[in-house]
Amino acid sequence: MKMCNRRLAWLSAPTVVLLASCAAQATTLARMSLAKMSQTAKVIVRARCLANATARDAGEIWTFTSFEVRETWSGSVPSHITVRLLGGKFGNLTSTVSGIPRFRPDEEAVLFLEPTSQGDFSIVSWEQGTFRISRDAVGHEECVTQDTASIEAFDPATRAFAATGIRSMPLDLFRERVNAALSAVVGRHP
């Protein structure tokens, strides 16, 4: 009996490692280029977070973040919008979803948005479509950093993982690149 238990323990350890590695590979993030994201988004805005609220809808917990739109780079939106993202804390329940950005009041970001059927917005490719605005310490120039800048993602072109997100890019240069991507699409203007 002891020999049988040892064999089962020996066999189960590799099985656990195999299953764990399969689960880890199941959640890969394919990088979306700035051009593709610019062309996919129906709306691109520079916005300031005002507040967060959570609620249940269709059996899920959602976080609703209200933003003041500071600039509209593409599309048309009112001066205040709400972004709906899956997950959050509701009562004593917490729902966490990997890849979903969260915002703090007064924080500014450039957001690549798509309208939802409920009349609010979602962020294109979640963290990939979120670019936080900060000021550099030296010249106090505004810069953007993509939420996924430090996360290694799978690049289908090279078939390898790499951290290639945008980090500390001057906001003016970032806007130029977005405008260039939008200009490449026939009939769409920033």
C-alpha atoms as a PDB file:
ATOM      1  CA  MET A   1       0.000   0.000   0.000  1.00  0.00           C
ATOM      2  CA  LYS A   2       2.829   2.426   0.864  1.00  0.00           C
ATOM      3  CA  MET A   3       4.551   1.703  -2.462  1.00  0.00           C
ATOM      4  CA  CYS A   4       1.326   2.433  -4.338  1.00  0.00           C
ATOM      5  CA  ASN A   5       0.868   5.767  -2.523  1.00  0.00           C
ATOM      6  CA  ARG A   6       4.452   6.793  -3.334  1.00  0.00           C
ATOM      7  CA  ARG A   7       3.924   6.008  -7.017  1.00  0.00           C
ATOM      8  CA  LEU A   8       0.697   8.035  -7.045  1.00  0.00           C
ATOM      9  CA  ALA A   9       2.464  10.943  -5.336  1.00  0.00           C
ATOM     10  CA  TRP A  10       5.327  10.725  -7.837  1.00  0.00           C
ATOM     11  CA  LEU A  11       2.911  10.598 -10.778  1.00  0.00           C
ATOM     12  CA  SER A  12       0.711  13.406  -9.459  1.00  0.00           C
ATOM     13  CA  ALA A  13       3.552  15.928  -9.077  1.00  0.00           C
ATOM     14  CA  PRO A  14       4.370  16.039 -12.831  1.00  0.00           C
ATOM     15  CA  THR A  15       0.660  16.130 -13.597  1.00  0.00           C
ATOM     16  CA  VAL A  16       0.197  19.187 -11.380  1.00  0.00           C
ATOM     17  CA  VAL A  17       3.174  20.930 -13.032  1.00  0.00           C
ATOM     18  CA  LEU A  18       1.815  20.096 -16.494  1.00  0.00           C
ATOM     19  CA  LEU A  19      -1.664  21.374 -15.651  1.00  0.00           C
ATOM     20  CA  ALA A  20      -0.262  24.540 -14.079  1.00  0.00           C
ATOM     21  CA  SER A  21       1.843  25.276 -17.165  1.00  0.00           C
ATOM     22  CA  CYS A  22      -1.171  24.713 -19.436  1.00  0.00           C
ATOM     23  CA  ALA A  23      -3.235  27.118 -17.334  1.00  0.00           C
ATOM     24  CA  ALA A  24      -0.462  29.737 -17.433  1.00  0.00           C
ATOM     25  CA  GLN A  25      -0.281  29.509 -21.224  1.00  0.00           C
ATOM     26  CA  ALA A  26      -4.045  29.848 -21.569  1.00  0.00           C
ATOM     27  CA  THR A  27      -3.985  33.568 -20.791  1.00  0.00           C
ATOM     28  CA  THR A  28      -1.658  35.145 -23.327  1.00  0.00           C
ATOM     29  CA  LEU A  29      -2.010  38.729 -24.407  1.00  0.00           C
ATOM     30  CA  ALA A  30      -1.518  39.470 -28.110  1.00  0.00           C
ATOM     31  CA  ARG A  31      -0.060  42.942 -28.544  1.00  0.00           C
ATOM     32  CA  MET A  32      -2.272  45.404 -30.412  1.00  0.00           C
ATOM     33  CA  SER A  33      -0.312  48.078 -32.282  1.00  0.00           C
ATOM     34  CA  LEU A  34      -1.031  51.761 -31.717  1.00  0.00           C
ATOM     35  CA  ALA A  35      -2.157  52.016 -35.350  1.00  0.00           C
ATOM     36  CA  LYS A  36      -4.571  49.082 -35.014  1.00  0.00           C
ATOM     37  CA  MET A  37      -5.922  50.423 -31.716  1.00  0.00           C
ATOM     38  CA  SER A  38      -6.374  53.917 -33.204  1.00  0.00           C
ATOM     39  CA  GLN A  39      -8.273  52.462 -36.144  1.00  0.00           C
ATOM     40  CA  THR A  40     -10.399  50.151 -33.958  1.00  0.00           C
ATOM     41  CA  ALA A  41     -11.476  52.749 -31.389  1.00  0.00           C
ATOM     42  CA  LYS A  42     -14.657  54.654 -32.170  1.00  0.00           C
ATOM     43  CA  VAL A  43     -13.581  57.402 -29.749  1.00  0.00           C
ATOM     44  CA  ILE A  44     -10.179  58.545 -28.471  1.00  0.00           C
ATOM     45  CA  VAL A  45     -10.095  61.032 -25.606  1.00  0.00           C
ATOM     46  CA  ARG A  46      -7.843  62.646 -23.067  1.00  0.00           C
ATOM     47  CA  ALA A  47      -9.850  62.476 -19.863  1.00  0.00           C
ATOM     48  CA  ARG A  48      -9.642  63.063 -16.115  1.00  0.00           C
ATOM     49  CA  CYS A  49     -11.124  60.514 -13.723  1.00  0.00           C
ATOM     50  CA  LEU A  50     -13.841  61.971 -11.516  1.00  0.00           C
ATOM     51  CA  ALA A  51     -15.122  58.980  -9.519  1.00  0.00           C
ATOM     52  CA  ASN A  52     -15.728  55.224  -9.450  1.00  0.00           C
ATOM     53  CA  ALA A  53     -18.870  53.309  -8.527  1.00  0.00           C
ATOM     54  CA  THR A  54     -19.729  49.624  -8.622  1.00  0.00           C
ATOM     55  CA  ALA A  55     -22.990  47.892  -9.352  1.00  0.00           C
ATOM     56  CA  ARG A  56     -24.343  44.525 -10.382  1.00  0.00           C
ATOM     57  CA  ASP A  57     -25.678  44.115 -13.871  1.00  0.00           C
ATOM     58  CA  ALA A  58     -26.803  40.856 -15.511  1.00  0.00           C
ATOM     59  CA  GLY A  59     -25.286  38.851 -12.653  1.00  0.00           C
ATOM     60  CA  GLU A  60     -21.822  40.457 -12.899  1.00  0.00           C
ATOM     61  CA  ILE A  61     -20.061  43.111 -10.830  1.00  0.00           C
ATOM     62  CA  TRP A  62     -19.090  46.166 -12.869  1.00  0.00           C
ATOM     63  CA  THR A  63     -17.018  49.261 -12.090  1.00  0.00           C
ATOM     64  CA  PHE A  64     -18.378  52.466 -13.601  1.00  0.00           C
ATOM     65  CA  THR A  65     -15.805  55.247 -13.833  1.00  0.00           C
ATOM     66  CA  SER A  66     -16.932  58.754 -14.681  1.00  0.00           C
ATOM     67  CA  PHE A  67     -14.539  60.958 -16.639  1.00  0.00           C
ATOM     68  CA  GLU A  68     -14.382  64.595 -17.601  1.00  0.00           C
ATOM     69  CA  VAL A  69     -13.322  64.738 -21.266  1.00  0.00           C
ATOM     70  CA  ARG A  70     -10.474  67.239 -21.600  1.00  0.00           C
ATOM     71  CA  GLU A  71      -9.821  66.685 -25.329  1.00  0.00           C
ATOM     72  CA  THR A  72     -11.489  64.586 -28.011  1.00  0.00           C
ATOM     73  CA  TRP A  73      -8.914  63.223 -30.448  1.00  0.00           C
ATOM     74  CA  SER A  74     -11.343  61.153 -32.504  1.00  0.00           C
ATOM     75  CA  GLY A  75     -15.104  60.606 -32.573  1.00  0.00           C
ATOM     76  CA  SER A  76     -17.726  62.589 -30.743  1.00  0.00           C
ATOM     77  CA  VAL A  77     -18.618  62.445 -27.031  1.00  0.00           C
ATOM     78  CA  PRO A  78     -20.182  64.709 -24.415  1.00  0.00           C
ATOM     79  CA  SER A  79     -17.989  66.509 -21.868  1.00  0.00           C
ATOM     80  CA  HIS A  80     -18.623  63.764 -19.264  1.00  0.00           C
ATOM     81  CA  ILE A  81     -18.592  60.038 -20.021  1.00  0.00           C
ATOM     82  CA  THR A  82     -18.853  56.777 -18.105  1.00  0.00           C
ATOM     83  CA  VAL A  83     -16.575  53.810 -18.735  1.00  0.00           C
ATOM     84  CA  ARG A  84     -17.932  50.375 -17.784  1.00  0.00           C
ATOM     85  CA  LEU A  85     -15.379  47.679 -16.914  1.00  0.00           C
ATOM     86  CA  LEU A  86     -15.951  44.186 -15.562  1.00  0.00           C
ATOM     87  CA  GLY A  87     -15.050  43.527 -11.925  1.00  0.00           C
ATOM     88  CA  GLY A  88     -14.864  45.515  -8.728  1.00  0.00           C
ATOM     89  CA  LYS A  89     -16.065  45.350  -5.137  1.00  0.00           C
ATOM     90  CA  PHE A  90     -19.792  45.234  -4.436  1.00  0.00           C
ATOM     91  CA  GLY A  91     -20.816  44.746  -0.807  1.00  0.00           C
ATOM     92  CA  ASN A  92     -18.726  41.873   0.522  1.00  0.00           C
ATOM     93  CA  LEU A  93     -18.113  40.437  -2.972  1.00  0.00           C
ATOM     94  CA  THR A  94     -14.987  41.193  -4.998  1.00  0.00           C
ATOM     95  CA  SER A  95     -14.547  40.333  -8.660  1.00  0.00           C
ATOM     96  CA  THR A  96     -11.055  40.663 -10.137  1.00  0.00           C
ATOM     97  CA  VAL A  97     -10.388  40.349 -13.851  1.00  0.00           C
ATOM     98  CA  SER A  98      -6.824  40.379 -15.207  1.00  0.00           C
ATOM     99  CA  GLY A  99      -6.133  43.057 -17.775  1.00  0.00           C
ATOM    100  CA  ILE A 100      -8.834  45.473 -16.583  1.00  0.00           C
ATOM    101  CA  PRO A 101      -7.533  48.964 -15.762  1.00  0.00           C
ATOM    102  CA  ARG A 102      -8.674  50.820 -12.645  1.00  0.00           C
ATOM    103  CA  PHE A 103      -8.556  54.578 -12.174  1.00  0.00           C
ATOM    104  CA  ARG A 104      -8.083  56.992  -9.268  1.00  0.00           C
ATOM    105  CA  PRO A 105      -9.874  60.352  -9.025  1.00  0.00           C
ATOM    106  CA  ASP A 106      -7.965  63.241 -10.670  1.00  0.00           C
ATOM    107  CA  GLU A 107      -5.784  60.849 -12.671  1.00  0.00           C
ATOM    108  CA  GLU A 108      -5.516  61.705 -16.394  1.00  0.00           C
ATOM    109  CA  ALA A 109      -5.280  59.260 -19.265  1.00  0.00           C
ATOM    110  CA  VAL A 110      -5.689  58.927 -22.999  1.00  0.00           C
ATOM    111  CA  LEU A 111      -8.379  56.290 -23.566  1.00  0.00           C
ATOM    112  CA  PHE A 112      -9.224  54.340 -26.707  1.00  0.00           C
ATOM    113  CA  LEU A 113     -12.955  53.695 -26.396  1.00  0.00           C
ATOM    114  CA  GLU A 114     -15.822  51.811 -27.954  1.00  0.00           C
ATOM    115  CA  PRO A 115     -19.489  52.387 -27.108  1.00  0.00           C
ATOM    116  CA  THR A 116     -21.415  49.653 -25.296  1.00  0.00           C
ATOM    117  CA  SER A 117     -25.020  48.673 -25.935  1.00  0.00           C
ATOM    118  CA  GLN A 118     -25.878  50.239 -22.530  1.00  0.00           C
ATOM    119  CA  GLY A 119     -24.935  53.757 -23.695  1.00  0.00           C
ATOM    120  CA  ASP A 120     -21.610  54.019 -21.883  1.00  0.00           C
ATOM    121  CA  PHE A 121     -18.096  53.058 -23.049  1.00  0.00           C
ATOM    122  CA  SER A 122     -15.544  50.276 -22.712  1.00  0.00           C
ATOM    123  CA  ILE A 123     -11.804  50.538 -23.345  1.00  0.00           C
ATOM    124  CA  VAL A 124     -10.419  48.881 -26.473  1.00  0.00           C
ATOM    125  CA  SER A 125      -8.184  45.996 -25.396  1.00  0.00           C
ATOM    126  CA  TRP A 126      -8.560  47.112 -21.743  1.00  0.00           C
ATOM    127  CA  GLU A 127      -5.088  47.896 -20.326  1.00  0.00           C
ATOM    128  CA  GLN A 128      -3.573  48.163 -23.811  1.00  0.00           C
ATOM    129  CA  GLY A 129      -5.994  50.980 -24.649  1.00  0.00           C
ATOM    130  CA  THR A 130      -5.124  52.899 -21.466  1.00  0.00           C
ATOM    131  CA  PHE A 131      -2.275  55.439 -21.509  1.00  0.00           C
ATOM    132  CA  ARG A 132      -1.617  57.243 -18.198  1.00  0.00           C
ATOM    133  CA  ILE A 133      -0.464  60.854 -18.394  1.00  0.00           C
ATOM    134  CA  SER A 134       2.360  62.039 -16.164  1.00  0.00           C
ATOM    135  CA  ARG A 135       4.979  64.779 -16.159  1.00  0.00           C
ATOM    136  CA  ASP A 136       8.659  64.021 -16.464  1.00  0.00           C
ATOM    137  CA  ALA A 137      10.820  65.135 -13.545  1.00  0.00           C
ATOM    138  CA  VAL A 138      13.246  67.213 -15.610  1.00  0.00           C
ATOM    139  CA  GLY A 139      11.347  69.386 -18.085  1.00  0.00           C
ATOM    140  CA  HIS A 140       7.866  68.789 -16.697  1.00  0.00           C
ATOM    141  CA  GLU A 141       6.785  67.664 -20.176  1.00  0.00           C
ATOM    142  CA  GLU A 142       3.608  65.584 -20.318  1.00  0.00           C
ATOM    143  CA  CYS A 143       4.284  61.956 -21.205  1.00  0.00           C
ATOM    144  CA  VAL A 144       2.148  58.837 -21.657  1.00  0.00           C
ATOM    145  CA  THR A 145       2.800  55.314 -20.476  1.00  0.00           C
ATOM    146  CA  GLN A 146       0.684  52.411 -21.611  1.00  0.00           C
ATOM    147  CA  ASP A 147      -0.677  50.255 -18.787  1.00  0.00           C
ATOM    148  CA  THR A 148       0.877  47.203 -20.438  1.00  0.00           C
ATOM    149  CA  ALA A 149       4.315  48.782 -20.982  1.00  0.00           C
ATOM    150  CA  SER A 150       6.070  46.376 -18.627  1.00  0.00           C
ATOM    151  CA  ILE A 151       4.052  43.257 -19.459  1.00  0.00           C
ATOM    152  CA  GLU A 152       5.513  40.779 -21.900  1.00  0.00           C
ATOM    153  CA  ALA A 153       3.026  40.004 -24.645  1.00  0.00           C
ATOM    154  CA  PHE A 154       3.084  37.584 -27.533  1.00  0.00           C
ATOM    155  CA  ASP A 155       4.016  39.169 -30.854  1.00  0.00           C
ATOM    156  CA  PRO A 156       2.537  37.029 -33.661  1.00  0.00           C
ATOM    157  CA  ALA A 157       4.945  38.546 -36.218  1.00  0.00           C
ATOM    158  CA  THR A 158       8.090  37.456 -34.341  1.00  0.00           C
ATOM    159  CA  ARG A 159       6.398  34.561 -32.521  1.00  0.00           C
ATOM    160  CA  ALA A 160       8.088  35.662 -29.290  1.00  0.00           C
ATOM    161  CA  PHE A 161       7.192  37.372 -26.021  1.00  0.00           C
ATOM    162  CA  ALA A 162       8.431  40.924 -25.412  1.00  0.00           C
ATOM    163  CA  ALA A 163       7.592  44.014 -23.340  1.00  0.00           C
ATOM    164  CA  THR A 164       7.006  46.485 -26.153  1.00  0.00           C
ATOM    165  CA  GLY A 165       4.378  48.844 -24.774  1.00  0.00           C
ATOM    166  CA  ILE A 166       4.731  52.613 -24.917  1.00  0.00           C
ATOM    167  CA  ARG A 167       6.645  54.052 -21.961  1.00  0.00           C
ATOM    168  CA  SER A 168       7.274  57.745 -21.141  1.00  0.00           C
ATOM    169  CA  MET A 169       6.516  58.963 -24.670  1.00  0.00           C
ATOM    170  CA  PRO A 170       5.986  62.743 -24.942  1.00  0.00           C
ATOM    171  CA  LEU A 171       2.255  63.380 -25.233  1.00  0.00           C
ATOM    172  CA  ASP A 172       2.683  65.535 -28.368  1.00  0.00           C
ATOM    173  CA  LEU A 173       4.601  62.771 -30.158  1.00  0.00           C
ATOM    174  CA  PHE A 174       2.011  60.204 -29.050  1.00  0.00           C
ATOM    175  CA  ARG A 175      -0.789  62.373 -30.440  1.00  0.00           C
ATOM    176  CA  GLU A 176       1.093  62.753 -33.755  1.00  0.00           C
ATOM    177  CA  ARG A 177       1.327  58.960 -34.045  1.00  0.00           C
ATOM    178  CA  VAL A 178      -2.374  58.531 -33.281  1.00  0.00           C
ATOM    179  CA  ASN A 179      -3.250  61.195 -35.878  1.00  0.00           C
ATOM    180  CA  ALA A 180      -1.021  59.483 -38.465  1.00  0.00           C
ATOM    181  CA  ALA A 181      -2.796  56.158 -37.819  1.00  0.00           C
ATOM    182  CA  LEU A 182      -6.193  57.822 -38.127  1.00  0.00           C
ATOM    183  CA  SER A 183      -5.168  59.595 -41.358  1.00  0.00           C
ATOM    184  CA  ALA A 184      -4.224  56.232 -42.866  1.00  0.00           C
ATOM    185  CA  VAL A 185      -7.861  55.148 -42.650  1.00  0.00           C
ATOM    186  CA  VAL A 186      -9.953  56.334 -45.586  1.00  0.00           C
ATOM    187  CA  GLY A 187     -12.734  58.691 -44.546  1.00  0.00           C
ATOM    188  CA  ARG A 188     -11.707  59.001 -40.876  1.00  0.00           C
ATOM    189  CA  HIS A 189     -10.302  62.220 -39.499  1.00  0.00           C
ATOM    190  CA  PRO A 190      -9.030  63.068 -36.012  1.00  0.00           C
END
